[in-house]
N, C-alpha and C. Protein backbone atom coordinates (compact mmCIF):
# COMPACT_ATOMS: atom_id res chain seq x y z
N MET A 1 9.77 -14.27 -9.75
CA MET A 1 9.17 -14.49 -8.10
C MET A 1 8.61 -16.29 -7.49
N LYS A 2 9.58 -16.48 -6.52
CA LYS A 2 8.96 -18.01 -6.24
C LYS A 2 7.77 -17.83 -5.39
N ASN A 3 6.81 -18.59 -5.92
CA ASN A 3 5.20 -18.65 -4.94
C ASN A 3 5.87 -18.46 -3.47
N MET A 4 4.82 -17.44 -2.98
CA MET A 4 5.28 -17.50 -1.36
C MET A 4 4.36 -17.79 -0.48
N LEU A 5 3.88 -18.64 0.25
CA LEU A 5 2.92 -18.98 1.07
C LEU A 5 3.15 -18.40 2.52
N VAL A 6 2.22 -17.57 2.64
CA VAL A 6 2.53 -17.44 4.56
C VAL A 6 1.31 -17.67 5.14
N SER A 7 2.08 -18.19 6.28
CA SER A 7 0.81 -18.68 7.28
C SER A 7 0.22 -17.12 8.05
N PRO A 8 -0.90 -18.05 8.36
CA PRO A 8 -1.85 -17.02 9.07
C PRO A 8 -1.69 -16.07 10.16
N VAL A 9 -0.79 -16.57 10.90
CA VAL A 9 -0.17 -16.18 12.23
C VAL A 9 0.96 -15.16 11.59
N ALA A 10 1.78 -15.44 10.57
CA ALA A 10 2.96 -14.56 10.13
C ALA A 10 2.38 -13.56 9.47
N LYS A 11 1.18 -13.72 8.76
CA LYS A 11 0.38 -12.80 7.95
C LYS A 11 -0.04 -11.73 8.84
N LYS A 12 -0.10 -11.91 9.99
CA LYS A 12 -1.04 -11.28 11.17
C LYS A 12 0.32 -10.57 11.90
N GLU A 13 1.52 -11.32 11.76
CA GLU A 13 2.45 -10.27 12.48
C GLU A 13 3.36 -9.44 11.32
N ILE A 14 2.95 -9.58 10.20
CA ILE A 14 3.43 -8.70 9.26
C ILE A 14 2.77 -7.55 9.30
N PHE A 15 1.44 -8.32 8.92
CA PHE A 15 0.00 -7.09 8.85
C PHE A 15 0.39 -5.67 10.04
N THR A 16 0.56 -6.46 11.49
CA THR A 16 1.07 -5.77 12.93
C THR A 16 2.39 -4.46 12.49
N LYS A 17 3.73 -5.55 11.41
CA LYS A 17 4.93 -4.72 11.61
C LYS A 17 4.39 -3.62 10.81
N ILE A 18 3.78 -3.90 9.53
CA ILE A 18 3.51 -3.08 8.30
C ILE A 18 2.47 -2.05 9.39
N LEU A 19 1.71 -1.71 9.89
CA LEU A 19 0.49 -0.86 10.76
C LEU A 19 2.18 0.15 11.58
N GLN A 20 2.62 -0.10 12.36
CA GLN A 20 3.77 0.29 13.46
C GLN A 20 4.98 0.89 12.47
N MET A 21 5.14 0.06 11.20
CA MET A 21 6.34 1.13 10.88
C MET A 21 5.73 2.72 9.69
N GLU A 22 4.08 2.00 9.26
CA GLU A 22 3.36 3.21 9.17
C GLU A 22 3.40 4.40 9.73
N SER A 23 3.53 3.84 11.72
CA SER A 23 2.77 4.90 12.62
C SER A 23 4.54 5.99 12.64
N ASP A 24 5.62 5.03 12.59
CA ASP A 24 7.05 5.57 12.44
C ASP A 24 7.25 6.52 12.19
N MET A 25 6.70 6.11 10.13
CA MET A 25 7.58 7.26 9.68
C MET A 25 6.69 7.85 9.17
N ILE A 26 5.75 7.60 9.44
CA ILE A 26 4.68 9.00 8.86
C ILE A 26 4.12 9.71 9.53
N THR A 27 4.66 10.37 10.21
CA THR A 27 4.19 11.94 11.17
C THR A 27 3.20 12.51 10.88
N ASP A 28 3.40 13.42 11.99
CA ASP A 28 1.75 14.41 11.59
C ASP A 28 1.94 15.33 10.07
N PRO A 29 3.45 15.79 10.05
CA PRO A 29 3.39 17.19 9.62
C PRO A 29 3.73 16.29 7.61
N VAL A 30 4.05 15.02 7.74
CA VAL A 30 3.74 14.42 6.55
C VAL A 30 2.10 13.74 6.52
N LYS A 31 2.26 13.61 7.12
CA LYS A 31 0.25 13.17 6.83
C LYS A 31 -0.42 14.90 6.37
N GLU A 32 0.10 15.74 7.11
CA GLU A 32 -0.52 17.31 5.98
C GLU A 32 -0.41 17.30 4.92
N GLU A 33 0.91 17.18 4.59
CA GLU A 33 1.42 17.44 3.12
C GLU A 33 0.99 16.80 2.50
N LEU A 34 0.22 14.76 2.94
CA LEU A 34 0.13 14.16 2.01
C LEU A 34 -1.26 14.50 1.45
N ARG A 35 -1.86 14.73 3.26
CA ARG A 35 -3.58 15.16 2.66
C ARG A 35 -3.44 16.84 1.95
N GLY A 36 -2.69 17.36 1.82
CA GLY A 36 -2.70 18.83 0.81
C GLY A 36 -2.54 18.57 -0.39
N LYS A 37 -1.30 17.73 -0.66
CA LYS A 37 -0.76 17.22 -2.24
C LYS A 37 -2.18 16.46 -2.54
N TYR A 38 -2.84 15.44 -1.84
CA TYR A 38 -3.67 14.65 -2.37
C TYR A 38 -5.17 14.54 -2.54
N ALA A 39 -5.58 15.82 -1.79
CA ALA A 39 -6.85 15.93 -1.89
C ALA A 39 -7.49 16.50 -3.11
N LEU A 40 -8.96 15.81 -2.70
CA LEU A 40 -9.78 15.61 -4.27
C LEU A 40 -10.42 17.47 -4.05
N PRO A 41 -10.61 17.82 -5.71
CA PRO A 41 -11.31 19.30 -5.79
C PRO A 41 -12.95 18.94 -5.31
N THR A 42 -13.89 17.87 -5.47
CA THR A 42 -14.92 17.79 -4.81
C THR A 42 -14.77 16.70 -3.71
N GLN A 43 -15.57 17.09 -2.81
CA GLN A 43 -16.09 15.78 -1.88
C GLN A 43 -17.10 14.64 -2.80
N ASN A 44 -17.43 14.87 -3.86
CA ASN A 44 -18.49 13.78 -4.06
C ASN A 44 -18.04 12.22 -4.81
N ALA A 45 -16.57 12.02 -4.48
CA ALA A 45 -15.86 10.70 -5.27
C ALA A 45 -15.79 9.98 -4.09
N GLN A 46 -16.11 10.06 -2.77
CA GLN A 46 -16.39 9.18 -1.80
C GLN A 46 -16.69 7.87 -1.55
N LEU A 47 -15.28 7.04 -1.31
CA LEU A 47 -14.86 6.06 -1.50
C LEU A 47 -16.51 4.69 -0.56
N THR A 48 -16.84 3.72 -1.39
CA THR A 48 -17.59 3.28 -0.01
C THR A 48 -16.59 2.42 0.62
N GLY A 49 -17.30 1.91 1.64
CA GLY A 49 -16.64 1.45 2.64
C GLY A 49 -16.04 -0.51 1.87
N HIS A 50 -16.86 -1.33 0.88
CA HIS A 50 -15.61 -2.46 0.36
C HIS A 50 -14.57 -1.75 -0.01
N ALA A 51 -14.82 -0.60 -1.03
CA ALA A 51 -14.16 -0.41 -2.17
C ALA A 51 -12.57 0.14 -0.84
N HIS A 52 -12.80 1.08 -0.27
CA HIS A 52 -11.92 1.28 0.68
C HIS A 52 -11.57 0.39 1.65
N ALA A 53 -11.49 -0.98 1.91
CA ALA A 53 -11.25 -2.44 2.14
C ALA A 53 -10.33 -2.76 1.61
N GLY A 54 -10.72 -2.86 -0.01
CA GLY A 54 -9.93 -3.12 -1.34
C GLY A 54 -8.37 -2.45 -1.81
N ILE A 55 -8.71 -1.21 -1.43
CA ILE A 55 -7.28 -0.19 -1.73
C ILE A 55 -6.42 -0.26 -0.68
N VAL A 56 -6.85 -0.49 0.61
CA VAL A 56 -5.89 0.18 1.71
C VAL A 56 -5.59 -1.72 1.65
N GLY A 57 -6.35 -3.02 1.58
CA GLY A 57 -5.60 -4.36 1.57
C GLY A 57 -4.47 -4.38 -0.05
N SER A 58 -4.42 -4.06 -0.81
CA SER A 58 -4.06 -4.14 -2.12
C SER A 58 -2.43 -3.10 -1.67
N ALA A 59 -2.32 -1.99 -0.68
CA ALA A 59 -1.21 -1.59 -0.34
C ALA A 59 -0.41 -2.13 1.20
N VAL A 60 -1.07 -2.53 1.33
CA VAL A 60 -0.46 -3.56 2.33
C VAL A 60 -0.18 -5.17 2.09
N ARG A 61 -0.51 -5.88 0.35
CA ARG A 61 -0.12 -6.85 0.06
C ARG A 61 1.35 -6.13 -0.48
N ILE A 62 1.21 -5.08 -0.96
CA ILE A 62 2.88 -4.43 -2.13
C ILE A 62 3.41 -4.47 -0.82
N ILE A 63 3.37 -3.69 0.20
CA ILE A 63 4.35 -3.40 1.45
C ILE A 63 5.04 -4.75 1.89
N ARG A 64 3.78 -5.91 2.08
CA ARG A 64 4.26 -7.48 2.63
C ARG A 64 5.15 -7.54 1.53
N HIS A 65 4.80 -7.80 0.29
CA HIS A 65 6.04 -8.17 -0.98
C HIS A 65 7.25 -6.94 -0.72
N LEU A 66 7.52 -6.12 -0.89
CA LEU A 66 8.39 -5.52 -0.87
C LEU A 66 9.41 -6.08 0.70
N MET A 67 8.73 -6.01 2.07
CA MET A 67 9.30 -6.81 3.21
C MET A 67 10.21 -7.95 2.29
N LEU A 68 8.87 -8.81 2.17
CA LEU A 68 9.52 -10.26 1.79
C LEU A 68 11.05 -10.30 0.90
N ASN A 69 11.10 -9.13 -0.63
CA ASN A 69 11.62 -9.18 -0.95
C ASN A 69 13.29 -8.22 -1.01
N GLY A 70 13.11 -7.82 0.33
CA GLY A 70 14.11 -6.90 0.53
C GLY A 70 14.27 -5.94 -0.27
N ALA A 71 12.56 -4.85 -0.04
CA ALA A 71 13.04 -3.52 -0.45
C ALA A 71 14.20 -2.43 0.22
N CYS A 72 14.51 -1.81 -1.00
CA CYS A 72 15.49 -0.61 0.16
C CYS A 72 14.78 0.72 0.49
N GLU A 73 14.89 0.85 1.80
CA GLU A 73 14.02 1.52 2.62
C GLU A 73 13.39 2.95 1.78
N ALA A 74 14.10 3.68 1.03
CA ALA A 74 13.51 4.33 0.62
C ALA A 74 12.31 4.21 -0.73
N GLU A 75 12.14 2.42 -0.99
CA GLU A 75 11.06 1.94 -1.75
C GLU A 75 9.85 1.70 -0.53
N MET A 76 10.35 1.64 0.46
CA MET A 76 9.22 1.21 1.48
C MET A 76 8.76 1.86 1.74
N PHE A 77 9.89 3.19 2.05
CA PHE A 77 9.08 4.61 2.69
C PHE A 77 7.71 5.27 1.33
N ARG A 78 8.09 4.95 -0.25
CA ARG A 78 7.09 5.60 -0.72
C ARG A 78 5.61 4.54 -0.74
N ALA A 79 6.01 3.39 -0.56
CA ALA A 79 4.77 2.60 0.14
C ALA A 79 3.74 2.58 1.22
N ILE A 80 4.75 3.06 2.05
CA ILE A 80 4.46 3.40 3.24
C ILE A 80 3.14 4.66 2.80
N LYS A 81 4.07 5.85 2.53
CA LYS A 81 2.89 6.82 1.78
C LYS A 81 2.31 6.48 1.13
N TYR A 82 2.29 5.66 0.58
CA TYR A 82 0.76 5.34 -0.33
C TYR A 82 -0.41 5.10 0.50
N LEU A 83 -0.02 3.89 1.79
CA LEU A 83 -0.60 3.10 2.08
C LEU A 83 -1.29 4.21 3.15
N ALA A 84 -0.82 5.64 3.48
CA ALA A 84 -0.99 6.24 4.70
C ALA A 84 -2.30 7.10 3.72
N VAL A 85 -2.12 7.09 1.82
CA VAL A 85 -3.19 8.16 2.20
C VAL A 85 -4.51 6.98 1.71
N CYS A 86 -4.42 6.09 1.49
CA CYS A 86 -4.83 4.55 1.33
C CYS A 86 -5.75 5.01 2.42
N ILE A 87 -5.04 4.73 3.82
CA ILE A 87 -5.63 4.87 4.94
C ILE A 87 -6.77 5.85 4.90
N ASP A 88 -6.23 7.30 4.17
CA ASP A 88 -6.82 8.26 4.90
C ASP A 88 -8.02 8.76 3.54
N ALA A 89 -8.10 7.62 2.74
CA ALA A 89 -8.77 8.60 1.24
C ALA A 89 -10.33 8.63 1.42
N ARG A 90 -10.67 7.37 1.94
CA ARG A 90 -12.25 7.94 2.68
C ARG A 90 -12.30 9.00 3.45
N LYS A 91 -12.04 9.60 4.74
CA LYS A 91 -12.09 10.06 5.67
C LYS A 91 -11.61 11.46 5.07
N TYR A 92 -11.05 11.97 4.36
CA TYR A 92 -9.98 12.99 3.60
C TYR A 92 -10.35 13.51 2.32
N PHE A 93 -11.05 12.44 1.89
CA PHE A 93 -11.22 12.59 0.07
C PHE A 93 -10.24 12.92 -0.54
N LEU A 94 -9.12 11.72 -0.53
CA LEU A 94 -7.64 12.03 -1.09
C LEU A 94 -7.97 11.36 -2.73
N ASP A 95 -6.81 11.22 -3.18
CA ASP A 95 -6.84 10.96 -4.57
C ASP A 95 -6.23 9.56 -4.94
N TRP A 96 -6.50 8.54 -4.70
CA TRP A 96 -5.54 7.41 -3.98
C TRP A 96 -4.56 7.13 -5.33
N LYS A 97 -5.49 7.28 -6.00
CA LYS A 97 -4.95 6.79 -7.68
C LYS A 97 -4.01 7.92 -7.99
N LYS A 98 -4.08 9.30 -7.74
CA LYS A 98 -2.86 10.05 -7.87
C LYS A 98 -1.96 9.71 -7.40
N ALA A 99 -1.61 9.31 -6.20
CA ALA A 99 -0.62 8.47 -5.45
C ALA A 99 -0.29 7.80 -5.98
N TYR A 100 -0.95 6.60 -5.99
CA TYR A 100 -0.64 5.56 -7.03
C TYR A 100 0.33 5.80 -8.15
N GLU A 101 0.22 6.75 -8.92
CA GLU A 101 0.67 7.01 -10.25
C GLU A 101 1.96 8.14 -9.71
N GLU A 102 1.90 9.18 -8.32
CA GLU A 102 3.45 9.91 -8.67
C GLU A 102 4.19 9.20 -7.63
N LEU A 103 3.68 8.11 -6.94
CA LEU A 103 4.99 7.07 -6.42
C LEU A 103 5.38 6.40 -6.81
N MET A 104 5.03 6.35 -8.30
CA MET A 104 5.42 4.98 -8.56
C MET A 104 5.40 3.28 -8.71
N ILE A 105 3.96 3.02 -7.43
CA ILE A 105 3.42 2.09 -7.03
C ILE A 105 3.40 1.26 -7.95
N GLY A 106 3.27 0.89 -9.10
CA GLY A 106 3.32 0.66 -10.45
C GLY A 106 4.92 -0.70 -10.74
N TYR A 107 5.67 0.52 -10.73
CA TYR A 107 6.75 -0.04 -10.64
C TYR A 107 7.03 -0.78 -9.55
N LEU A 108 6.74 -0.64 -8.80
CA LEU A 108 7.34 -1.53 -7.43
C LEU A 108 6.59 -2.75 -7.29
N ILE A 109 5.08 -2.47 -8.05
CA ILE A 109 4.89 -4.18 -8.08
C ILE A 109 5.55 -5.15 -8.99
N GLU A 110 5.67 -4.38 -10.21
CA GLU A 110 6.54 -4.65 -11.50
C GLU A 110 8.13 -5.41 -10.91
N LYS A 111 8.61 -4.51 -9.99
CA LYS A 111 9.99 -4.94 -9.66
C LYS A 111 9.69 -6.57 -8.51
N TYR A 112 8.98 -6.29 -7.46
CA TYR A 112 8.95 -6.51 -6.33
C TYR A 112 7.72 -8.28 -6.69
N GLY A 113 6.77 -8.00 -7.63
CA GLY A 113 5.55 -8.93 -7.63
C GLY A 113 4.83 -8.62 -6.25
N GLY A 114 3.78 -7.91 -6.73
CA GLY A 114 2.58 -7.54 -6.22
C GLY A 114 1.18 -8.67 -6.15
N ARG A 115 1.40 -9.12 -7.36
CA ARG A 115 0.95 -10.40 -8.05
C ARG A 115 1.54 -11.98 -8.11
N ARG A 116 0.39 -12.22 -7.28
CA ARG A 116 0.80 -14.01 -7.28
C ARG A 116 0.63 -14.66 -8.88
N LYS A 117 1.68 -15.38 -9.33
CA LYS A 117 1.83 -15.78 -10.72
C LYS A 117 1.43 -17.07 -10.35
N ARG A 118 0.15 -17.54 -11.70
CA ARG A 118 -0.38 -19.21 -11.00
C ARG A 118 0.82 -20.10 -11.54
N LYS A 119 1.26 -21.42 -11.62
CA LYS A 119 1.53 -22.22 -12.05
C LYS A 119 1.19 -23.35 -12.98
N LEU A 120 1.28 -23.18 -14.33
CA LEU A 120 0.36 -24.31 -14.81
C LEU A 120 1.16 -25.30 -15.09
N PRO A 121 0.25 -26.35 -14.92
CA PRO A 121 0.70 -27.84 -14.53
C PRO A 121 1.51 -28.22 -15.33
N GLU A 122 2.38 -28.70 -15.47
CA GLU A 122 3.54 -29.43 -16.02
C GLU A 122 2.99 -31.17 -17.06
N ASP A 123 3.21 -30.47 -17.97
CA ASP A 123 2.44 -32.25 -18.98
C ASP A 123 3.83 -33.26 -18.72
């Protein structure tokens, strides 16, 4: 994967587009289905604000990589569903790790490169 440097203005535009896609694709019935499917059995595992921000940021970065690398609509929808679970995880006590596994987000990261690979200096 080539190194993608995105300006702060472009990042803000991408983030706005991602949130718009999330609100367009994830309707109330879909949200209710996700909340029922990924609900934790107890409410003891509440996320801290810092951890919650980290998983939401991670989900947004995954979607950004999918957008920039031309993912198909079905893969985008899976990633958007994962983002919706991550956003609601703190408020509704959702199991975002289970959503990560079931929606095969790891596969999307492998396929579209969710982590930057640093280039080693050439000798």
